[in-house]
Amino acid sequence: MNVTLKDGFVLEVADNAADNMELVDALADTQDEDPLAMSRVCLLVLGKTQRKALYDHLRCEDGRVPVAAVSGAVAEIFTALGSAGKNS
């Protein structure tokens, strides 16, 4: 399915991306304030190609990809996945 972020950026996300226990584990790690967990969450939800596209989209002029921007985008993706599940 295509997920459009609030800023108009479109990502392709597998319909069943959220149905993954490893993703649940990675999300739990984010709650434990593991700074590396968000990268794994992105990889599990988006795959390498879409994760890179998201990072490139969010990249600052100085080359950094802000963690807060990625976290916000991931929250939008989960909201869209949840909405799609309710509509099926």
PDB file of N, CA and C in Angstrom:
ATOM      1  N   MET A   1       0.834  -1.176   0.000  1.00  0.00           N
ATOM      2  CA  MET A   1       0.000   0.000   0.000  1.00  0.00           C
ATOM      3  C   MET A   1       0.880   1.240   0.000  1.00  0.00           C
ATOM      4  N   ASN A   2       0.386   2.307  -0.551  1.00  0.00           N
ATOM      5  CA  ASN A   2       1.094   3.576  -0.518  1.00  0.00           C
ATOM      6  C   ASN A   2       0.657   4.362   0.707  1.00  0.00           C
ATOM      7  N   VAL A   3       1.632   4.927   1.393  1.00  0.00           N
ATOM      8  CA  VAL A   3       1.379   5.772   2.553  1.00  0.00           C
ATOM      9  C   VAL A   3       1.892   7.163   2.209  1.00  0.00           C
ATOM     10  N   THR A   4       1.020   8.148   2.323  1.00  0.00           N
ATOM     11  CA  THR A   4       1.401   9.526   2.059  1.00  0.00           C
ATOM     12  C   THR A   4       1.561  10.245   3.392  1.00  0.00           C
ATOM     13  N   LEU A   5       2.765  10.763   3.624  1.00  0.00           N
ATOM     14  CA  LEU A   5       3.030  11.508   4.846  1.00  0.00           C
ATOM     15  C   LEU A   5       2.390  12.883   4.760  1.00  0.00           C
ATOM     16  N   LYS A   6       2.274  13.553   5.885  1.00  0.00           N
ATOM     17  CA  LYS A   6       1.636  14.869   5.931  1.00  0.00           C
ATOM     18  C   LYS A   6       2.293  15.870   4.995  1.00  0.00           C
ATOM     19  N   ASP A   7       3.596  15.705   4.759  1.00  0.00           N
ATOM     20  CA  ASP A   7       4.291  16.643   3.871  1.00  0.00           C
ATOM     21  C   ASP A   7       4.179  16.257   2.401  1.00  0.00           C
ATOM     22  N   GLY A   8       3.396  15.201   2.108  1.00  0.00           N
ATOM     23  CA  GLY A   8       3.161  14.794   0.731  1.00  0.00           C
ATOM     24  C   GLY A   8       4.081  13.699   0.220  1.00  0.00           C
ATOM     25  N   PHE A   9       5.094  13.330   0.981  1.00  0.00           N
ATOM     26  CA  PHE A   9       6.021  12.283   0.559  1.00  0.00           C
ATOM     27  C   PHE A   9       5.305  10.930   0.600  1.00  0.00           C
ATOM     28  N   VAL A  10       5.477  10.133  -0.458  1.00  0.00           N
ATOM     29  CA  VAL A  10       4.786   8.849  -0.580  1.00  0.00           C
ATOM     30  C   VAL A  10       5.791   7.707  -0.425  1.00  0.00           C
ATOM     31  N   LEU A  11       5.412   6.743   0.422  1.00  0.00           N
ATOM     32  CA  LEU A  11       6.215   5.539   0.636  1.00  0.00           C
ATOM     33  C   LEU A  11       5.367   4.318   0.324  1.00  0.00           C
ATOM     34  N   GLU A  12       6.002   3.282  -0.167  1.00  0.00           N
ATOM     35  CA  GLU A  12       5.316   2.017  -0.384  1.00  0.00           C
ATOM     36  C   GLU A  12       5.603   1.111   0.807  1.00  0.00           C
ATOM     37  N   VAL A  13       4.539   0.656   1.463  1.00  0.00           N
ATOM     38  CA  VAL A  13       4.663  -0.178   2.656  1.00  0.00           C
ATOM     39  C   VAL A  13       3.827  -1.437   2.431  1.00  0.00           C
ATOM     40  N   ALA A  14       4.396  -2.579   2.751  1.00  0.00           N
ATOM     41  CA  ALA A  14       3.651  -3.835   2.609  1.00  0.00           C
ATOM     42  C   ALA A  14       2.416  -3.805   3.499  1.00  0.00           C
ATOM     43  N   ASP A  15       1.313  -4.305   2.997  1.00  0.00           N
ATOM     44  CA  ASP A  15       0.058  -4.314   3.750  1.00  0.00           C
ATOM     45  C   ASP A  15       0.199  -5.034   5.093  1.00  0.00           C
ATOM     46  N   ASN A  16       1.033  -6.062   5.128  1.00  0.00           N
ATOM     47  CA  ASN A  16       1.187  -6.859   6.344  1.00  0.00           C
ATOM     48  C   ASN A  16       2.436  -6.477   7.146  1.00  0.00           C
ATOM     49  N   ALA A  17       2.987  -5.303   6.906  1.00  0.00           N
ATOM     50  CA  ALA A  17       4.236  -4.891   7.555  1.00  0.00           C
ATOM     51  C   ALA A  17       4.136  -4.901   9.074  1.00  0.00           C
ATOM     52  N   ALA A  18       2.986  -4.553   9.620  1.00  0.00           N
ATOM     53  CA  ALA A  18       2.840  -4.482  11.075  1.00  0.00           C
ATOM     54  C   ALA A  18       2.661  -5.861  11.713  1.00  0.00           C
ATOM     55  N   ASP A  19       2.393  -6.879  10.912  1.00  0.00           N
ATOM     56  CA  ASP A  19       2.178  -8.233  11.430  1.00  0.00           C
ATOM     57  C   ASP A  19       3.516  -8.968  11.503  1.00  0.00           C
ATOM     58  N   ASN A  20       4.361  -8.522  12.425  1.00  0.00           N
ATOM     59  CA  ASN A  20       5.722  -9.051  12.505  1.00  0.00           C
ATOM     60  C   ASN A  20       6.189  -8.955  13.953  1.00  0.00           C
ATOM     61  N   MET A  21       6.396 -10.080  14.599  1.00  0.00           N
ATOM     62  CA  MET A  21       6.800 -10.082  16.003  1.00  0.00           C
ATOM     63  C   MET A  21       8.158  -9.405  16.200  1.00  0.00           C
ATOM     64  N   GLU A  22       9.057  -9.505  15.226  1.00  0.00           N
ATOM     65  CA  GLU A  22      10.338  -8.809  15.355  1.00  0.00           C
ATOM     66  C   GLU A  22      10.127  -7.300  15.376  1.00  0.00           C
ATOM     67  N   LEU A  23       9.128  -6.831  14.659  1.00  0.00           N
ATOM     68  CA  LEU A  23       8.783  -5.412  14.693  1.00  0.00           C
ATOM     69  C   LEU A  23       8.266  -5.036  16.077  1.00  0.00           C
ATOM     70  N   VAL A  24       7.420  -5.878  16.645  1.00  0.00           N
ATOM     71  CA  VAL A  24       6.914  -5.631  18.001  1.00  0.00           C
ATOM     72  C   VAL A  24       8.082  -5.547  18.981  1.00  0.00           C
ATOM     73  N   ASP A  25       9.044  -6.459  18.847  1.00  0.00           N
ATOM     74  CA  ASP A  25      10.233  -6.430  19.716  1.00  0.00           C
ATOM     75  C   ASP A  25      11.014  -5.132  19.547  1.00  0.00           C
ATOM     76  N   ALA A  26      11.189  -4.697  18.296  1.00  0.00           N
ATOM     77  CA  ALA A  26      11.931  -3.458  18.031  1.00  0.00           C
ATOM     78  C   ALA A  26      11.181  -2.255  18.596  1.00  0.00           C
ATOM     79  N   LEU A  27       9.864  -2.251  18.477  1.00  0.00           N
ATOM     80  CA  LEU A  27       9.063  -1.167  19.049  1.00  0.00           C
ATOM     81  C   LEU A  27       9.193  -1.148  20.571  1.00  0.00           C
ATOM     82  N   ALA A  28       9.209  -2.322  21.184  1.00  0.00           N
ATOM     83  CA  ALA A  28       9.403  -2.400  22.633  1.00  0.00           C
ATOM     84  C   ALA A  28      10.760  -1.829  23.016  1.00  0.00           C
ATOM     85  N   ASP A  29      11.764  -2.091  22.198  1.00  0.00           N
ATOM     86  CA  ASP A  29      13.098  -1.544  22.460  1.00  0.00           C
ATOM     87  C   ASP A  29      13.098  -0.028  22.400  1.00  0.00           C
ATOM     88  N   THR A  30      12.258   0.563  21.543  1.00  0.00           N
ATOM     89  CA  THR A  30      12.190   2.028  21.497  1.00  0.00           C
ATOM     90  C   THR A  30      11.615   2.557  22.800  1.00  0.00           C
ATOM     91  N   GLN A  31      10.712   1.821  23.409  1.00  0.00           N
ATOM     92  CA  GLN A  31      10.136   2.226  24.697  1.00  0.00           C
ATOM     93  C   GLN A  31      11.168   2.144  25.816  1.00  0.00           C
ATOM     94  N   ASP A  32      12.133   1.244  25.654  1.00  0.00           N
ATOM     95  CA  ASP A  32      13.216   1.114  26.628  1.00  0.00           C
ATOM     96  C   ASP A  32      14.320   2.129  26.354  1.00  0.00           C
ATOM     97  N   GLU A  33      14.027   3.056  25.443  1.00  0.00           N
ATOM     98  CA  GLU A  33      14.943   4.130  25.068  1.00  0.00           C
ATOM     99  C   GLU A  33      16.247   3.623  24.471  1.00  0.00           C
ATOM    100  N   ASP A  34      16.139   2.532  23.696  1.00  0.00           N
ATOM    101  CA  ASP A  34      17.277   2.034  22.938  1.00  0.00           C
ATOM    102  C   ASP A  34      17.394   2.891  21.687  1.00  0.00           C
ATOM    103  N   PRO A  35      18.438   3.707  21.579  1.00  0.00           N
ATOM    104  CA  PRO A  35      18.548   4.628  20.447  1.00  0.00           C
ATOM    105  C   PRO A  35      18.722   3.937  19.098  1.00  0.00           C
ATOM    106  N   LEU A  36      19.101   2.690  19.105  1.00  0.00           N
ATOM    107  CA  LEU A  36      19.301   1.962  17.848  1.00  0.00           C
ATOM    108  C   LEU A  36      18.017   1.311  17.337  1.00  0.00           C
ATOM    109  N   ALA A  37      17.010   1.231  18.182  1.00  0.00           N
ATOM    110  CA  ALA A  37      15.796   0.502  17.823  1.00  0.00           C
ATOM    111  C   ALA A  37      15.025   1.160  16.679  1.00  0.00           C
ATOM    112  N   MET A  38      15.030   2.484  16.595  1.00  0.00           N
ATOM    113  CA  MET A  38      14.258   3.158  15.542  1.00  0.00           C
ATOM    114  C   MET A  38      14.771   2.775  14.155  1.00  0.00           C
ATOM    115  N   SER A  39      16.065   2.597  14.016  1.00  0.00           N
ATOM    116  CA  SER A  39      16.623   2.170  12.737  1.00  0.00           C
ATOM    117  C   SER A  39      16.084   0.797  12.351  1.00  0.00           C
ATOM    118  N   ARG A  40      16.013  -0.102  13.312  1.00  0.00           N
ATOM    119  CA  ARG A  40      15.491  -1.458  13.044  1.00  0.00           C
ATOM    120  C   ARG A  40      13.991  -1.398  12.724  1.00  0.00           C
ATOM    121  N   VAL A  41      13.248  -0.561  13.435  1.00  0.00           N
ATOM    122  CA  VAL A  41      11.821  -0.403  13.150  1.00  0.00           C
ATOM    123  C   VAL A  41      11.645   0.038  11.699  1.00  0.00           C
ATOM    124  N   CYS A  42      12.405   1.042  11.288  1.00  0.00           N
ATOM    125  CA  CYS A  42      12.310   1.540   9.906  1.00  0.00           C
ATOM    126  C   CYS A  42      12.626   0.448   8.903  1.00  0.00           C
ATOM    127  N   LEU A  43      13.663  -0.310   9.167  1.00  0.00           N
ATOM    128  CA  LEU A  43      14.052  -1.385   8.253  1.00  0.00           C
ATOM    129  C   LEU A  43      12.963  -2.449   8.158  1.00  0.00           C
ATOM    130  N   LEU A  44      12.378  -2.828   9.282  1.00  0.00           N
ATOM    131  CA  LEU A  44      11.348  -3.867   9.281  1.00  0.00           C
ATOM    132  C   LEU A  44      10.061  -3.403   8.607  1.00  0.00           C
ATOM    133  N   VAL A  45       9.735  -2.135   8.743  1.00  0.00           N
ATOM    134  CA  VAL A  45       8.500  -1.620   8.148  1.00  0.00           C
ATOM    135  C   VAL A  45       8.684  -1.278   6.678  1.00  0.00           C
ATOM    136  N   LEU A  46       9.831  -0.673   6.352  1.00  0.00           N
ATOM    137  CA  LEU A  46      10.017  -0.116   5.012  1.00  0.00           C
ATOM    138  C   LEU A  46      10.918  -0.935   4.094  1.00  0.00           C
ATOM    139  N   GLY A  47      11.818  -1.715   4.642  1.00  0.00           N
ATOM    140  CA  GLY A  47      12.837  -2.363   3.826  1.00  0.00           C
ATOM    141  C   GLY A  47      13.946  -1.365   3.516  1.00  0.00           C
ATOM    142  N   LYS A  48      15.047  -1.847   2.970  1.00  0.00           N
ATOM    143  CA  LYS A  48      16.218  -0.992   2.739  1.00  0.00           C
ATOM    144  C   LYS A  48      15.953   0.162   1.778  1.00  0.00           C
ATOM    145  N   THR A  49      15.296  -0.123   0.671  1.00  0.00           N
ATOM    146  CA  THR A  49      15.111   0.892  -0.365  1.00  0.00           C
ATOM    147  C   THR A  49      14.214   2.031   0.113  1.00  0.00           C
ATOM    148  N   GLN A  50      13.073   1.677   0.719  1.00  0.00           N
ATOM    149  CA  GLN A  50      12.147   2.708   1.181  1.00  0.00           C
ATOM    150  C   GLN A  50      12.701   3.451   2.400  1.00  0.00           C
ATOM    151  N   ARG A  51      13.461   2.741   3.256  1.00  0.00           N
ATOM    152  CA  ARG A  51      14.089   3.425   4.396  1.00  0.00           C
ATOM    153  C   ARG A  51      15.058   4.479   3.890  1.00  0.00           C
ATOM    154  N   LYS A  52      15.865   4.139   2.895  1.00  0.00           N
ATOM    155  CA  LYS A  52      16.812   5.112   2.338  1.00  0.00           C
ATOM    156  C   LYS A  52      16.067   6.287   1.723  1.00  0.00           C
ATOM    157  N   ALA A  53      14.973   6.002   1.028  1.00  0.00           N
ATOM    158  CA  ALA A  53      14.182   7.082   0.429  1.00  0.00           C
ATOM    159  C   ALA A  53      13.647   8.021   1.508  1.00  0.00           C
ATOM    160  N   LEU A  54      13.166   7.450   2.616  1.00  0.00           N
ATOM    161  CA  LEU A  54      12.670   8.281   3.712  1.00  0.00           C
ATOM    162  C   LEU A  54      13.801   9.112   4.309  1.00  0.00           C
ATOM    163  N   TYR A  55      14.928   8.479   4.577  1.00  0.00           N
ATOM    164  CA  TYR A  55      16.071   9.207   5.140  1.00  0.00           C
ATOM    165  C   TYR A  55      16.500  10.340   4.210  1.00  0.00           C
ATOM    166  N   ASP A  56      16.586  10.059   2.929  1.00  0.00           N
ATOM    167  CA  ASP A  56      16.986  11.098   1.974  1.00  0.00           C
ATOM    168  C   ASP A  56      15.975  12.241   1.954  1.00  0.00           C
ATOM    169  N   HIS A  57      14.701  11.899   2.072  1.00  0.00           N
ATOM    170  CA  HIS A  57      13.654  12.916   2.095  1.00  0.00           C
ATOM    171  C   HIS A  57      13.769  13.809   3.332  1.00  0.00           C
ATOM    172  N   LEU A  58      14.135  13.226   4.452  1.00  0.00           N
ATOM    173  CA  LEU A  58      14.194  13.966   5.718  1.00  0.00           C
ATOM    174  C   LEU A  58      15.560  14.592   5.996  1.00  0.00           C
ATOM    175  N   ARG A  59      16.530  14.315   5.147  1.00  0.00           N
ATOM    176  CA  ARG A  59      17.918  14.774   5.363  1.00  0.00           C
ATOM    177  C   ARG A  59      18.012  16.298   5.402  1.00  0.00           C
ATOM    178  N   CYS A  60      18.760  16.803   6.376  1.00  0.00           N
ATOM    179  CA  CYS A  60      19.008  18.249   6.515  1.00  0.00           C
ATOM    180  C   CYS A  60      20.112  18.678   5.544  1.00  0.00           C
ATOM    181  N   GLU A  61      20.255  19.977   5.389  1.00  0.00           N
ATOM    182  CA  GLU A  61      21.294  20.510   4.505  1.00  0.00           C
ATOM    183  C   GLU A  61      22.685  20.065   4.926  1.00  0.00           C
ATOM    184  N   ASP A  62      22.892  19.846   6.232  1.00  0.00           N
ATOM    185  CA  ASP A  62      24.218  19.434   6.701  1.00  0.00           C
ATOM    186  C   ASP A  62      24.437  17.919   6.611  1.00  0.00           C
ATOM    187  N   GLY A  63      23.460  17.200   6.044  1.00  0.00           N
ATOM    188  CA  GLY A  63      23.610  15.771   5.816  1.00  0.00           C
ATOM    189  C   GLY A  63      23.011  14.874   6.893  1.00  0.00           C
ATOM    190  N   ARG A  64      22.614  15.444   8.016  1.00  0.00           N
ATOM    191  CA  ARG A  64      22.031  14.648   9.092  1.00  0.00           C
ATOM    192  C   ARG A  64      20.589  14.260   8.769  1.00  0.00           C
ATOM    193  N   VAL A  65      20.153  13.148   9.344  1.00  0.00           N
ATOM    194  CA  VAL A  65      18.752  12.742   9.284  1.00  0.00           C
ATOM    195  C   VAL A  65      18.254  12.787  10.729  1.00  0.00           C
ATOM    196  N   PRO A  66      17.459  13.790  11.075  1.00  0.00           N
ATOM    197  CA  PRO A  66      17.038  13.948  12.468  1.00  0.00           C
ATOM    198  C   PRO A  66      16.192  12.782  12.974  1.00  0.00           C
ATOM    199  N   VAL A  67      16.548  12.281  14.132  1.00  0.00           N
ATOM    200  CA  VAL A  67      15.824  11.164  14.732  1.00  0.00           C
ATOM    201  C   VAL A  67      14.357  11.536  14.959  1.00  0.00           C
ATOM    202  N   ALA A  68      14.110  12.745  15.421  1.00  0.00           N
ATOM    203  CA  ALA A  68      12.730  13.169  15.685  1.00  0.00           C
ATOM    204  C   ALA A  68      11.890  13.165  14.405  1.00  0.00           C
ATOM    205  N   ALA A  69      12.482  13.542  13.290  1.00  0.00           N
ATOM    206  CA  ALA A  69      11.756  13.551  12.018  1.00  0.00           C
ATOM    207  C   ALA A  69      11.420  12.125  11.585  1.00  0.00           C
ATOM    208  N   VAL A  70      12.356  11.212  11.771  1.00  0.00           N
ATOM    209  CA  VAL A  70      12.117   9.812  11.423  1.00  0.00           C
ATOM    210  C   VAL A  70      11.036   9.231  12.333  1.00  0.00           C
ATOM    211  N   SER A  71      11.131   9.513  13.617  1.00  0.00           N
ATOM    212  CA  SER A  71      10.127   9.021  14.569  1.00  0.00           C
ATOM    213  C   SER A  71       8.735   9.522  14.201  1.00  0.00           C
ATOM    214  N   GLY A  72       8.639  10.783  13.834  1.00  0.00           N
ATOM    215  CA  GLY A  72       7.357  11.348  13.419  1.00  0.00           C
ATOM    216  C   GLY A  72       6.814  10.673  12.174  1.00  0.00           C
ATOM    217  N   ALA A  73       7.693  10.423  11.209  1.00  0.00           N
ATOM    218  CA  ALA A  73       7.273   9.761   9.975  1.00  0.00           C
ATOM    219  C   ALA A  73       6.805   8.336  10.259  1.00  0.00           C
ATOM    220  N   VAL A  74       7.520   7.629  11.138  1.00  0.00           N
ATOM    221  CA  VAL A  74       7.123   6.263  11.489  1.00  0.00           C
ATOM    222  C   VAL A  74       5.758   6.271  12.177  1.00  0.00           C
ATOM    223  N   ALA A  75       5.516   7.243  13.031  1.00  0.00           N
ATOM    224  CA  ALA A  75       4.208   7.359  13.676  1.00  0.00           C
ATOM    225  C   ALA A  75       3.110   7.563  12.632  1.00  0.00           C
ATOM    226  N   GLU A  76       3.375   8.393  11.630  1.00  0.00           N
ATOM    227  CA  GLU A  76       2.400   8.607  10.548  1.00  0.00           C
ATOM    228  C   GLU A  76       2.151   7.312   9.779  1.00  0.00           C
ATOM    229  N   ILE A  77       3.207   6.550   9.542  1.00  0.00           N
ATOM    230  CA  ILE A  77       3.080   5.288   8.814  1.00  0.00           C
ATOM    231  C   ILE A  77       2.199   4.322   9.594  1.00  0.00           C
ATOM    232  N   PHE A  78       2.429   4.203  10.900  1.00  0.00           N
ATOM    233  CA  PHE A  78       1.618   3.302  11.711  1.00  0.00           C
ATOM    234  C   PHE A  78       0.165   3.753  11.772  1.00  0.00           C
ATOM    235  N   THR A  79      -0.055   5.040  11.810  1.00  0.00           N
ATOM    236  CA  THR A  79      -1.422   5.564  11.784  1.00  0.00           C
ATOM    237  C   THR A  79      -2.106   5.150  10.479  1.00  0.00           C
ATOM    238  N   ALA A  80      -1.386   5.279   9.378  1.00  0.00           N
ATOM    239  CA  ALA A  80      -1.948   4.904   8.077  1.00  0.00           C
ATOM    240  C   ALA A  80      -2.195   3.387   8.008  1.00  0.00           C
ATOM    241  N   LEU A  81      -1.278   2.594   8.534  1.00  0.00           N
ATOM    242  CA  LEU A  81      -1.477   1.147   8.533  1.00  0.00           C
ATOM    243  C   LEU A  81      -2.685   0.770   9.380  1.00  0.00           C
ATOM    244  N   GLY A  82      -2.847   1.431  10.513  1.00  0.00           N
ATOM    245  CA  GLY A  82      -4.005   1.171  11.371  1.00  0.00           C
ATOM    246  C   GLY A  82      -5.307   1.557  10.704  1.00  0.00           C
ATOM    247  N   SER A  83      -5.295   2.683  10.018  1.00  0.00           N
ATOM    248  CA  SER A  83      -6.494   3.141   9.307  1.00  0.00           C
ATOM    249  C   SER A  83      -6.853   2.177   8.183  1.00  0.00           C
ATOM    250  N   ALA A  84      -5.839   1.676   7.487  1.00  0.00           N
ATOM    251  CA  ALA A  84      -6.093   0.754   6.389  1.00  0.00           C
ATOM    252  C   ALA A  84      -6.695  -0.543   6.922  1.00  0.00           C
ATOM    253  N   GLY A  85      -6.234  -0.986   8.074  1.00  0.00           N
ATOM    254  CA  GLY A  85      -6.771  -2.201   8.673  1.00  0.00           C
ATOM    255  C   GLY A  85      -8.231  -2.038   9.069  1.00  0.00           C
ATOM    256  N   LYS A  86      -8.584  -0.864   9.550  1.00  0.00           N
ATOM    257  CA  LYS A  86      -9.964  -0.602   9.947  1.00  0.00           C
ATOM    258  C   LYS A  86     -10.895  -0.527   8.739  1.00  0.00           C
ATOM    259  N   ASN A  87     -10.332  -0.173   7.586  1.00  0.00           N
ATOM    260  CA  ASN A  87     -11.142  -0.023   6.374  1.00  0.00           C
ATOM    261  C   ASN A  87     -11.284  -1.302   5.571  1.00  0.00           C
ATOM    262  N   SER A  88     -10.610  -2.369   6.009  1.00  0.00           N
ATOM    263  CA  SER A  88     -10.683  -3.607   5.210  1.00  0.00           C
ATOM    264  C   SER A  88     -11.723  -4.557   5.722  1.00  0.00           C
TER     265      SER A  88
END
